[in-house]
């Protein structure tokens, strides 16, 4: 049986380049409301960038934290064509991946 973190990583691999999802959406897709546990799993992700934890953002479109630092997260997202203004995803609703 897979751990919670492994289940998070498996789901996250489905988020395509150029899209983002939220901690809450990832938790919901796993049948839980434990979005903080999802954040913890992302922080401990040993498989980055194969498991693209940089694509998980806050529910309001803010970029949020990243183990490698917020600046690096923003650079990675921009490298995938995601526009960011004042720490938030531009056209967040259009970039949001829902499972």
PDB file of N, CA and C in Angstrom:
ATOM      1  N   UNK A   1       0.842  -1.190   0.000  1.00  0.00           N
ATOM      2  CA  UNK A   1       0.000   0.000   0.000  1.00  0.00           C
ATOM      3  C   UNK A   1       0.887   1.254   0.000  1.00  0.00           C
ATOM      4  N   UNK A   2       0.532   2.204  -0.844  1.00  0.00           N
ATOM      5  CA  UNK A   2       1.340   3.425  -0.959  1.00  0.00           C
ATOM      6  C   UNK A   2       1.074   4.378   0.201  1.00  0.00           C
ATOM      7  N   UNK A   3       2.113   5.122   0.553  1.00  0.00           N
ATOM      8  CA  UNK A   3       1.959   6.136   1.593  1.00  0.00           C
ATOM      9  C   UNK A   3       1.173   7.321   1.045  1.00  0.00           C
ATOM     10  N   UNK A   4       0.717   8.177   1.935  1.00  0.00           N
ATOM     11  CA  UNK A   4       0.003   9.388   1.527  1.00  0.00           C
ATOM     12  C   UNK A   4       0.870  10.212   0.581  1.00  0.00           C
ATOM     13  N   UNK A   5       2.133  10.393   0.927  1.00  0.00           N
ATOM     14  CA  UNK A   5       3.034  11.192   0.086  1.00  0.00           C
ATOM     15  C   UNK A   5       3.170  10.581  -1.308  1.00  0.00           C
ATOM     16  N   UNK A   6       3.329   9.271  -1.377  1.00  0.00           N
ATOM     17  CA  UNK A   6       3.449   8.612  -2.688  1.00  0.00           C
ATOM     18  C   UNK A   6       2.181   8.799  -3.519  1.00  0.00           C
ATOM     19  N   UNK A   7       1.031   8.734  -2.869  1.00  0.00           N
ATOM     20  CA  UNK A   7      -0.238   8.961  -3.573  1.00  0.00           C
ATOM     21  C   UNK A   7      -0.299  10.408  -4.100  1.00  0.00           C
ATOM     22  N   UNK A   8       0.191  11.351  -3.305  1.00  0.00           N
ATOM     23  CA  UNK A   8       0.251  12.765  -3.747  1.00  0.00           C
ATOM     24  C   UNK A   8       1.130  12.883  -4.987  1.00  0.00           C
ATOM     25  N   UNK A   9       2.293  12.263  -4.942  1.00  0.00           N
ATOM     26  CA  UNK A   9       3.237  12.359  -6.055  1.00  0.00           C
ATOM     27  C   UNK A   9       2.671  11.731  -7.322  1.00  0.00           C
ATOM     28  N   UNK A  10       1.995  10.592  -7.189  1.00  0.00           N
ATOM     29  CA  UNK A  10       1.381   9.938  -8.344  1.00  0.00           C
ATOM     30  C   UNK A  10       0.354  10.855  -9.006  1.00  0.00           C
ATOM     31  N   UNK A  11      -0.496  11.473  -8.191  1.00  0.00           N
ATOM     32  CA  UNK A  11      -1.509  12.402  -8.724  1.00  0.00           C
ATOM     33  C   UNK A  11      -0.852  13.605  -9.384  1.00  0.00           C
ATOM     34  N   UNK A  12       0.139  14.157  -8.724  1.00  0.00           N
ATOM     35  CA  UNK A  12       0.771  15.386  -9.206  1.00  0.00           C
ATOM     36  C   UNK A  12       1.424  15.201 -10.570  1.00  0.00           C
ATOM     37  N   UNK A  13       1.901  14.002 -10.859  1.00  0.00           N
ATOM     38  CA  UNK A  13       2.517  13.746 -12.164  1.00  0.00           C
ATOM     39  C   UNK A  13       1.531  13.929 -13.318  1.00  0.00           C
ATOM     40  N   UNK A  14       0.235  13.957 -13.018  1.00  0.00           N
ATOM     41  CA  UNK A  14      -0.793  14.137 -14.052  1.00  0.00           C
ATOM     42  C   UNK A  14      -0.980  15.606 -14.445  1.00  0.00           C
ATOM     43  N   UNK A  15      -0.448  16.532 -13.645  1.00  0.00           N
ATOM     44  CA  UNK A  15      -0.578  17.965 -13.946  1.00  0.00           C
ATOM     45  C   UNK A  15       0.403  18.300 -15.063  1.00  0.00           C
ATOM     46  N   UNK A  16      -0.112  18.715 -16.217  1.00  0.00           N
ATOM     47  CA  UNK A  16       0.784  18.954 -17.355  1.00  0.00           C
ATOM     48  C   UNK A  16       1.599  20.243 -17.226  1.00  0.00           C
ATOM     49  N   UNK A  17       2.666  20.280 -17.953  1.00  0.00           N
ATOM     50  CA  UNK A  17       3.516  21.476 -18.070  1.00  0.00           C
ATOM     51  C   UNK A  17       2.639  22.655 -18.492  1.00  0.00           C
ATOM     52  N   UNK A  18       2.858  23.799 -17.860  1.00  0.00           N
ATOM     53  CA  UNK A  18       2.089  24.992 -18.208  1.00  0.00           C
ATOM     54  C   UNK A  18       0.767  25.122 -17.474  1.00  0.00           C
ATOM     55  N   UNK A  19       0.515  24.208 -16.542  1.00  0.00           N
ATOM     56  CA  UNK A  19      -0.705  24.258 -15.727  1.00  0.00           C
ATOM     57  C   UNK A  19      -0.299  24.148 -14.262  1.00  0.00           C
ATOM     58  N   UNK A  20      -1.202  24.533 -13.383  1.00  0.00           N
ATOM     59  CA  UNK A  20      -0.981  24.418 -11.939  1.00  0.00           C
ATOM     60  C   UNK A  20      -2.204  23.771 -11.306  1.00  0.00           C
ATOM     61  N   UNK A  21      -2.026  23.280 -10.103  1.00  0.00           N
ATOM     62  CA  UNK A  21      -3.141  22.825  -9.288  1.00  0.00           C
ATOM     63  C   UNK A  21      -2.943  23.406  -7.901  1.00  0.00           C
ATOM     64  N   UNK A  22      -3.888  23.181  -7.007  1.00  0.00           N
ATOM     65  CA  UNK A  22      -3.774  23.727  -5.655  1.00  0.00           C
ATOM     66  C   UNK A  22      -3.594  22.596  -4.647  1.00  0.00           C
ATOM     67  N   UNK A  23      -3.115  22.969  -3.477  1.00  0.00           N
ATOM     68  CA  UNK A  23      -2.989  22.007  -2.392  1.00  0.00           C
ATOM     69  C   UNK A  23      -4.361  21.410  -2.094  1.00  0.00           C
ATOM     70  N   UNK A  24      -5.377  22.253  -2.071  1.00  0.00           N
ATOM     71  CA  UNK A  24      -6.739  21.805  -1.774  1.00  0.00           C
ATOM     72  C   UNK A  24      -7.257  20.860  -2.856  1.00  0.00           C
ATOM     73  N   UNK A  25      -7.035  21.188  -4.120  1.00  0.00           N
ATOM     74  CA  UNK A  25      -7.501  20.344  -5.224  1.00  0.00           C
ATOM     75  C   UNK A  25      -6.792  18.987  -5.206  1.00  0.00           C
ATOM     76  N   UNK A  26      -5.521  18.997  -4.928  1.00  0.00           N
ATOM     77  CA  UNK A  26      -4.773  17.739  -4.843  1.00  0.00           C
ATOM     78  C   UNK A  26      -5.308  16.882  -3.697  1.00  0.00           C
ATOM     79  N   UNK A  27      -5.553  17.500  -2.542  1.00  0.00           N
ATOM     80  CA  UNK A  27      -6.127  16.775  -1.401  1.00  0.00           C
ATOM     81  C   UNK A  27      -7.503  16.222  -1.769  1.00  0.00           C
ATOM     82  N   UNK A  28      -8.345  17.035  -2.388  1.00  0.00           N
ATOM     83  CA  UNK A  28      -9.690  16.610  -2.773  1.00  0.00           C
ATOM     84  C   UNK A  28      -9.618  15.391  -3.697  1.00  0.00           C
ATOM     85  N   UNK A  29      -8.673  15.410  -4.638  1.00  0.00           N
ATOM     86  CA  UNK A  29      -8.548  14.302  -5.584  1.00  0.00           C
ATOM     87  C   UNK A  29      -8.131  13.003  -4.891  1.00  0.00           C
ATOM     88  N   UNK A  30      -7.556  13.127  -3.704  1.00  0.00           N
ATOM     89  CA  UNK A  30      -7.141  11.966  -2.916  1.00  0.00           C
ATOM     90  C   UNK A  30      -8.209  11.560  -1.898  1.00  0.00           C
ATOM     91  N   UNK A  31      -9.341  12.257  -1.922  1.00  0.00           N
ATOM     92  CA  UNK A  31     -10.435  11.917  -1.018  1.00  0.00           C
ATOM     93  C   UNK A  31     -10.244  12.391   0.402  1.00  0.00           C
ATOM     94  N   UNK A  32      -9.515  13.502   0.570  1.00  0.00           N
ATOM     95  CA  UNK A  32      -9.261  14.042   1.906  1.00  0.00           C
ATOM     96  C   UNK A  32      -9.344  15.562   1.874  1.00  0.00           C
ATOM     97  N   UNK A  33      -9.457  16.154   3.041  1.00  0.00           N
ATOM     98  CA  UNK A  33      -9.404  17.617   3.135  1.00  0.00           C
ATOM     99  C   UNK A  33      -8.076  18.065   3.763  1.00  0.00           C
ATOM    100  N   UNK A  34      -7.133  17.171   3.833  1.00  0.00           N
ATOM    101  CA  UNK A  34      -5.844  17.433   4.494  1.00  0.00           C
ATOM    102  C   UNK A  34      -4.873  18.143   3.552  1.00  0.00           C
ATOM    103  N   UNK A  35      -5.247  19.368   3.136  1.00  0.00           N
ATOM    104  CA  UNK A  35      -4.386  20.071   2.191  1.00  0.00           C
ATOM    105  C   UNK A  35      -3.062  20.491   2.812  1.00  0.00           C
ATOM    106  N   UNK A  36      -3.011  20.639   4.120  1.00  0.00           N
ATOM    107  CA  UNK A  36      -1.721  20.948   4.757  1.00  0.00           C
ATOM    108  C   UNK A  36      -0.787  19.746   4.692  1.00  0.00           C
ATOM    109  N   UNK A  37      -1.355  18.552   4.767  1.00  0.00           N
ATOM    110  CA  UNK A  37      -0.544  17.337   4.614  1.00  0.00           C
ATOM    111  C   UNK A  37       0.002  17.254   3.195  1.00  0.00           C
ATOM    112  N   UNK A  38      -0.777  17.722   2.228  1.00  0.00           N
ATOM    113  CA  UNK A  38      -0.300  17.777   0.846  1.00  0.00           C
ATOM    114  C   UNK A  38       0.891  18.728   0.767  1.00  0.00           C
ATOM    115  N   UNK A  39       0.783  19.880   1.406  1.00  0.00           N
ATOM    116  CA  UNK A  39       1.895  20.843   1.437  1.00  0.00           C
ATOM    117  C   UNK A  39       3.137  20.230   2.053  1.00  0.00           C
ATOM    118  N   UNK A  40       2.950  19.480   3.110  1.00  0.00           N
ATOM    119  CA  UNK A  40       4.075  18.806   3.750  1.00  0.00           C
ATOM    120  C   UNK A  40       4.712  17.793   2.799  1.00  0.00           C
ATOM    121  N   UNK A  41       3.888  17.054   2.066  1.00  0.00           N
ATOM    122  CA  UNK A  41       4.399  16.080   1.096  1.00  0.00           C
ATOM    123  C   UNK A  41       5.197  16.793   0.004  1.00  0.00           C
ATOM    124  N   UNK A  42       4.696  17.942  -0.449  1.00  0.00           N
ATOM    125  CA  UNK A  42       5.399  18.683  -1.498  1.00  0.00           C
ATOM    126  C   UNK A  42       6.751  19.163  -0.983  1.00  0.00           C
ATOM    127  N   UNK A  43       6.793  19.600   0.264  1.00  0.00           N
ATOM    128  CA  UNK A  43       8.033  20.094   0.865  1.00  0.00           C
ATOM    129  C   UNK A  43       9.073  18.985   0.983  1.00  0.00           C
ATOM    130  N   UNK A  44       8.618  17.752   1.128  1.00  0.00           N
ATOM    131  CA  UNK A  44       9.527  16.617   1.301  1.00  0.00           C
ATOM    132  C   UNK A  44       9.747  15.833   0.006  1.00  0.00           C
ATOM    133  N   UNK A  45       9.262  16.338  -1.109  1.00  0.00           N
ATOM    134  CA  UNK A  45       9.326  15.642  -2.396  1.00  0.00           C
ATOM    135  C   UNK A  45      10.770  15.318  -2.794  1.00  0.00           C
ATOM    136  N   UNK A  46      11.143  14.034  -2.778  1.00  0.00           N
ATOM    137  CA  UNK A  46      12.502  13.665  -3.165  1.00  0.00           C
ATOM    138  C   UNK A  46      12.659  13.461  -4.676  1.00  0.00           C
ATOM    139  N   UNK A  47      11.571  13.618  -5.433  1.00  0.00           N
ATOM    140  CA  UNK A  47      11.578  13.290  -6.861  1.00  0.00           C
ATOM    141  C   UNK A  47      11.500  14.512  -7.776  1.00  0.00           C
ATOM    142  N   UNK A  48      11.662  15.700  -7.226  1.00  0.00           N
ATOM    143  CA  UNK A  48      11.592  16.916  -8.034  1.00  0.00           C
ATOM    144  C   UNK A  48      12.766  16.947  -9.016  1.00  0.00           C
ATOM    145  N   UNK A  49      12.585  17.380 -10.233  1.00  0.00           N
ATOM    146  CA  UNK A  49      11.369  17.914 -10.862  1.00  0.00           C
ATOM    147  C   UNK A  49      10.507  16.867 -11.569  1.00  0.00           C
ATOM    148  N   UNK A  50      10.874  15.567 -11.510  1.00  0.00           N
ATOM    149  CA  UNK A  50      10.037  14.534 -12.122  1.00  0.00           C
ATOM    150  C   UNK A  50       8.610  14.586 -11.557  1.00  0.00           C
ATOM    151  N   UNK A  51       8.518  14.774 -10.249  1.00  0.00           N
ATOM    152  CA  UNK A  51       7.237  15.049  -9.601  1.00  0.00           C
ATOM    153  C   UNK A  51       7.215  16.557  -9.392  1.00  0.00           C
ATOM    154  N   UNK A  52       6.440  17.273 -10.215  1.00  0.00           N
ATOM    155  CA  UNK A  52       6.546  18.737 -10.307  1.00  0.00           C
ATOM    156  C   UNK A  52       5.833  19.506  -9.189  1.00  0.00           C
ATOM    157  N   UNK A  53       6.380  19.440  -7.985  1.00  0.00           N
ATOM    158  CA  UNK A  53       5.738  20.112  -6.853  1.00  0.00           C
ATOM    159  C   UNK A  53       5.684  21.630  -7.033  1.00  0.00           C
ATOM    160  N   UNK A  54       6.494  22.169  -7.950  1.00  0.00           N
ATOM    161  CA  UNK A  54       6.437  23.615  -8.203  1.00  0.00           C
ATOM    162  C   UNK A  54       5.107  24.014  -8.851  1.00  0.00           C
ATOM    163  N   UNK A  55       4.342  23.043  -9.345  1.00  0.00           N
ATOM    164  CA  UNK A  55       3.053  23.327  -9.981  1.00  0.00           C
ATOM    165  C   UNK A  55       1.892  23.369  -8.993  1.00  0.00           C
ATOM    166  N   UNK A  56       2.173  23.223  -7.711  1.00  0.00           N
ATOM    167  CA  UNK A  56       1.127  23.286  -6.689  1.00  0.00           C
ATOM    168  C   UNK A  56       1.168  24.675  -6.057  1.00  0.00           C
ATOM    169  N   UNK A  57       0.035  25.373  -6.120  1.00  0.00           N
ATOM    170  CA  UNK A  57      -0.042  26.750  -5.640  1.00  0.00           C
ATOM    171  C   UNK A  57      -1.210  26.896  -4.662  1.00  0.00           C
ATOM    172  N   UNK A  58      -1.327  28.068  -4.072  1.00  0.00           N
ATOM    173  CA  UNK A  58      -2.417  28.351  -3.139  1.00  0.00           C
ATOM    174  C   UNK A  58      -3.745  28.499  -3.889  1.00  0.00           C
ATOM    175  N   UNK A  59      -4.843  28.275  -3.187  1.00  0.00           N
ATOM    176  CA  UNK A  59      -6.175  28.310  -3.793  1.00  0.00           C
ATOM    177  C   UNK A  59      -6.576  29.677  -4.331  1.00  0.00           C
ATOM    178  N   UNK A  60      -5.910  30.725  -3.880  1.00  0.00           N
ATOM    179  CA  UNK A  60      -6.224  32.071  -4.375  1.00  0.00           C
ATOM    180  C   UNK A  60      -5.309  32.490  -5.526  1.00  0.00           C
ATOM    181  N   UNK A  61      -4.495  31.545  -6.013  1.00  0.00           N
ATOM    182  CA  UNK A  61      -3.611  31.846  -7.136  1.00  0.00           C
ATOM    183  C   UNK A  61      -2.231  32.337  -6.750  1.00  0.00           C
ATOM    184  N   UNK A  62      -2.006  32.555  -5.437  1.00  0.00           N
ATOM    185  CA  UNK A  62      -0.659  32.951  -5.006  1.00  0.00           C
ATOM    186  C   UNK A  62       0.285  31.773  -5.210  1.00  0.00           C
ATOM    187  N   UNK A  63       1.524  32.078  -5.554  1.00  0.00           N
ATOM    188  CA  UNK A  63       2.518  31.056  -5.845  1.00  0.00           C
ATOM    189  C   UNK A  63       2.765  30.152  -4.644  1.00  0.00           C
ATOM    190  N   UNK A  64       2.872  30.716  -3.458  1.00  0.00           N
ATOM    191  CA  UNK A  64       3.100  29.918  -2.257  1.00  0.00           C
ATOM    192  C   UNK A  64       4.535  29.480  -2.112  1.00  0.00           C
ATOM    193  N   UNK A  65       4.758  28.640  -1.125  1.00  0.00           N
ATOM    194  CA  UNK A  65       6.108  28.224  -0.786  1.00  0.00           C
ATOM    195  C   UNK A  65       6.670  27.155  -1.705  1.00  0.00           C
ATOM    196  N   UNK A  66       7.964  26.930  -1.531  1.00  0.00           N
ATOM    197  CA  UNK A  66       8.671  25.922  -2.312  1.00  0.00           C
ATOM    198  C   UNK A  66       9.965  25.613  -1.582  1.00  0.00           C
ATOM    199  N   UNK A  67      10.299  24.340  -1.480  1.00  0.00           N
ATOM    200  CA  UNK A  67      11.505  23.943  -0.741  1.00  0.00           C
ATOM    201  C   UNK A  67      12.757  24.616  -1.305  1.00  0.00           C
ATOM    202  N   UNK A  68      12.783  24.856  -2.622  1.00  0.00           N
ATOM    203  CA  UNK A  68      13.928  25.508  -3.255  1.00  0.00           C
ATOM    204  C   UNK A  68      13.872  27.020  -3.198  1.00  0.00           C
ATOM    205  N   UNK A  69      12.814  27.566  -2.608  1.00  0.00           N
ATOM    206  CA  UNK A  69      12.629  29.006  -2.504  1.00  0.00           C
ATOM    207  C   UNK A  69      11.610  29.517  -3.506  1.00  0.00           C
ATOM    208  N   UNK A  70      10.898  30.547  -3.112  1.00  0.00           N
ATOM    209  CA  UNK A  70       9.827  31.101  -3.953  1.00  0.00           C
ATOM    210  C   UNK A  70      10.357  31.652  -5.278  1.00  0.00           C
ATOM    211  N   UNK A  71      11.543  32.253  -5.261  1.00  0.00           N
ATOM    212  CA  UNK A  71      12.115  32.804  -6.500  1.00  0.00           C
ATOM    213  C   UNK A  71      12.337  31.682  -7.514  1.00  0.00           C
ATOM    214  N   UNK A  72      12.886  30.567  -7.051  1.00  0.00           N
ATOM    215  CA  UNK A  72      13.121  29.428  -7.946  1.00  0.00           C
ATOM    216  C   UNK A  72      11.793  28.874  -8.476  1.00  0.00           C
ATOM    217  N   UNK A  73      10.779  28.801  -7.609  1.00  0.00           N
ATOM    218  CA  UNK A  73       9.457  28.309  -8.024  1.00  0.00           C
ATOM    219  C   UNK A  73       8.882  29.199  -9.124  1.00  0.00           C
ATOM    220  N   UNK A  74       8.980  30.498  -8.942  1.00  0.00           N
ATOM    221  CA  UNK A  74       8.486  31.445  -9.949  1.00  0.00           C
ATOM    222  C   UNK A  74       9.231  31.265 -11.265  1.00  0.00           C
ATOM    223  N   UNK A  75      10.547  31.109 -11.202  1.00  0.00           N
ATOM    224  CA  UNK A  75      11.335  30.907 -12.421  1.00  0.00           C
ATOM    225  C   UNK A  75      10.920  29.630 -13.145  1.00  0.00           C
ATOM    226  N   UNK A  76      10.680  28.572 -12.390  1.00  0.00           N
ATOM    227  CA  UNK A  76      10.278  27.295 -12.994  1.00  0.00           C
ATOM    228  C   UNK A  76       8.904  27.428 -13.665  1.00  0.00           C
ATOM    229  N   UNK A  77       7.974  28.093 -12.990  1.00  0.00           N
ATOM    230  CA  UNK A  77       6.634  28.290 -13.563  1.00  0.00           C
ATOM    231  C   UNK A  77       6.700  29.164 -14.817  1.00  0.00           C
ATOM    232  N   UNK A  78       7.465  30.232 -14.743  1.00  0.00           N
ATOM    233  CA  UNK A  78       7.620  31.104 -15.915  1.00  0.00           C
ATOM    234  C   UNK A  78       8.252  30.346 -17.072  1.00  0.00           C
ATOM    235  N   UNK A  79       9.178  29.447 -16.763  1.00  0.00           N
ATOM    236  CA  UNK A  79       9.816  28.625 -17.777  1.00  0.00           C
ATOM    237  C   UNK A  79       8.839  27.696 -18.487  1.00  0.00           C
ATOM    238  N   UNK A  80       7.695  27.460 -17.859  1.00  0.00           N
ATOM    239  CA  UNK A  80       6.645  26.636 -18.451  1.00  0.00           C
ATOM    240  C   UNK A  80       5.570  27.495 -19.116  1.00  0.00           C
ATOM    241  N   UNK A  81       5.816  28.809 -19.182  1.00  0.00           N
ATOM    242  CA  UNK A  81       4.875  29.695 -19.850  1.00  0.00           C
ATOM    243  C   UNK A  81       3.783  30.267 -18.963  1.00  0.00           C
ATOM    244  N   UNK A  82       3.913  30.092 -17.662  1.00  0.00           N
ATOM    245  CA  UNK A  82       2.922  30.627 -16.731  1.00  0.00           C
ATOM    246  C   UNK A  82       3.329  32.039 -16.349  1.00  0.00           C
ATOM    247  N   UNK A  83       2.414  32.972 -16.545  1.00  0.00           N
ATOM    248  CA  UNK A  83       2.686  34.371 -16.200  1.00  0.00           C
ATOM    249  C   UNK A  83       2.340  34.599 -14.733  1.00  0.00           C
ATOM    250  N   UNK A  84       3.209  35.384 -14.080  1.00  0.00           N
ATOM    251  CA  UNK A  84       3.030  35.683 -12.661  1.00  0.00           C
ATOM    252  C   UNK A  84       3.178  37.179 -12.462  1.00  0.00           C
ATOM    253  N   UNK A  85       2.237  37.744 -11.725  1.00  0.00           N
ATOM    254  CA  UNK A  85       2.284  39.171 -11.424  1.00  0.00           C
ATOM    255  C   UNK A  85       2.000  39.359  -9.940  1.00  0.00           C
ATOM    256  N   UNK A  86       2.861  40.091  -9.259  1.00  0.00           N
ATOM    257  CA  UNK A  86       2.719  40.341  -7.822  1.00  0.00           C
ATOM    258  C   UNK A  86       2.523  39.056  -7.028  1.00  0.00           C
ATOM    259  N   UNK A  87       3.267  38.013  -7.385  1.00  0.00           N
ATOM    260  CA  UNK A  87       3.227  36.762  -6.649  1.00  0.00           C
ATOM    261  C   UNK A  87       2.012  35.883  -6.921  1.00  0.00           C
ATOM    262  N   UNK A  88       1.217  36.259  -7.934  1.00  0.00           N
ATOM    263  CA  UNK A  88       0.015  35.476  -8.250  1.00  0.00           C
ATOM    264  C   UNK A  88       0.037  35.029  -9.709  1.00  0.00           C
ATOM    265  N   UNK A  89      -0.610  33.886  -9.972  1.00  0.00           N
ATOM    266  CA  UNK A  89      -0.731  33.348 -11.320  1.00  0.00           C
ATOM    267  C   UNK A  89      -1.709  34.217 -12.108  1.00  0.00           C
ATOM    268  N   UNK A  90      -1.283  34.717 -13.263  1.00  0.00           N
ATOM    269  CA  UNK A  90      -2.163  35.491 -14.144  1.00  0.00           C
ATOM    270  C   UNK A  90      -3.083  34.490 -14.847  1.00  0.00           C
ATOM    271  N   UNK A  91      -4.368  34.832 -14.976  1.00  0.00           N
ATOM    272  CA  UNK A  91      -5.367  33.921 -15.567  1.00  0.00           C
ATOM    273  C   UNK A  91      -5.393  32.588 -14.817  1.00  0.00           C
ATOM    274  N   UNK A  92      -5.408  32.688 -13.510  1.00  0.00           N
ATOM    275  CA  UNK A  92      -5.346  31.507 -12.647  1.00  0.00           C
ATOM    276  C   UNK A  92      -6.397  30.461 -13.021  1.00  0.00           C
ATOM    277  N   UNK A  93      -7.635  30.883 -13.226  1.00  0.00           N
ATOM    278  CA  UNK A  93      -8.716  29.956 -13.537  1.00  0.00           C
ATOM    279  C   UNK A  93      -8.426  29.155 -14.816  1.00  0.00           C
ATOM    280  N   UNK A  94      -7.787  29.794 -15.790  1.00  0.00           N
ATOM    281  CA  UNK A  94      -7.468  29.130 -17.067  1.00  0.00           C
ATOM    282  C   UNK A  94      -6.286  28.177 -16.930  1.00  0.00           C
ATOM    283  N   UNK A  95      -5.414  28.437 -15.983  1.00  0.00           N
ATOM    284  CA  UNK A  95      -4.213  27.607 -15.778  1.00  0.00           C
ATOM    285  C   UNK A  95      -4.448  26.481 -14.772  1.00  0.00           C
ATOM    286  N   UNK A  96      -5.577  26.546 -14.053  1.00  0.00           N
ATOM    287  CA  UNK A  96      -5.848  25.582 -12.996  1.00  0.00           C
ATOM    288  C   UNK A  96      -6.201  24.210 -13.561  1.00  0.00           C
ATOM    289  N   UNK A  97      -5.481  23.192 -13.121  1.00  0.00           N
ATOM    290  CA  UNK A  97      -5.750  21.807 -13.497  1.00  0.00           C
ATOM    291  C   UNK A  97      -6.605  21.188 -12.398  1.00  0.00           C
ATOM    292  N   UNK A  98      -7.762  20.660 -12.788  1.00  0.00           N
ATOM    293  CA  UNK A  98      -8.660  19.992 -11.844  1.00  0.00           C
ATOM    294  C   UNK A  98      -8.681  18.509 -12.197  1.00  0.00           C
ATOM    295  N   UNK A  99      -8.507  17.665 -11.231  1.00  0.00           N
ATOM    296  CA  UNK A  99      -8.462  16.222 -11.450  1.00  0.00           C
ATOM    297  C   UNK A  99      -9.847  15.664 -11.725  1.00  0.00           C
TER     298      UNK A  99
END
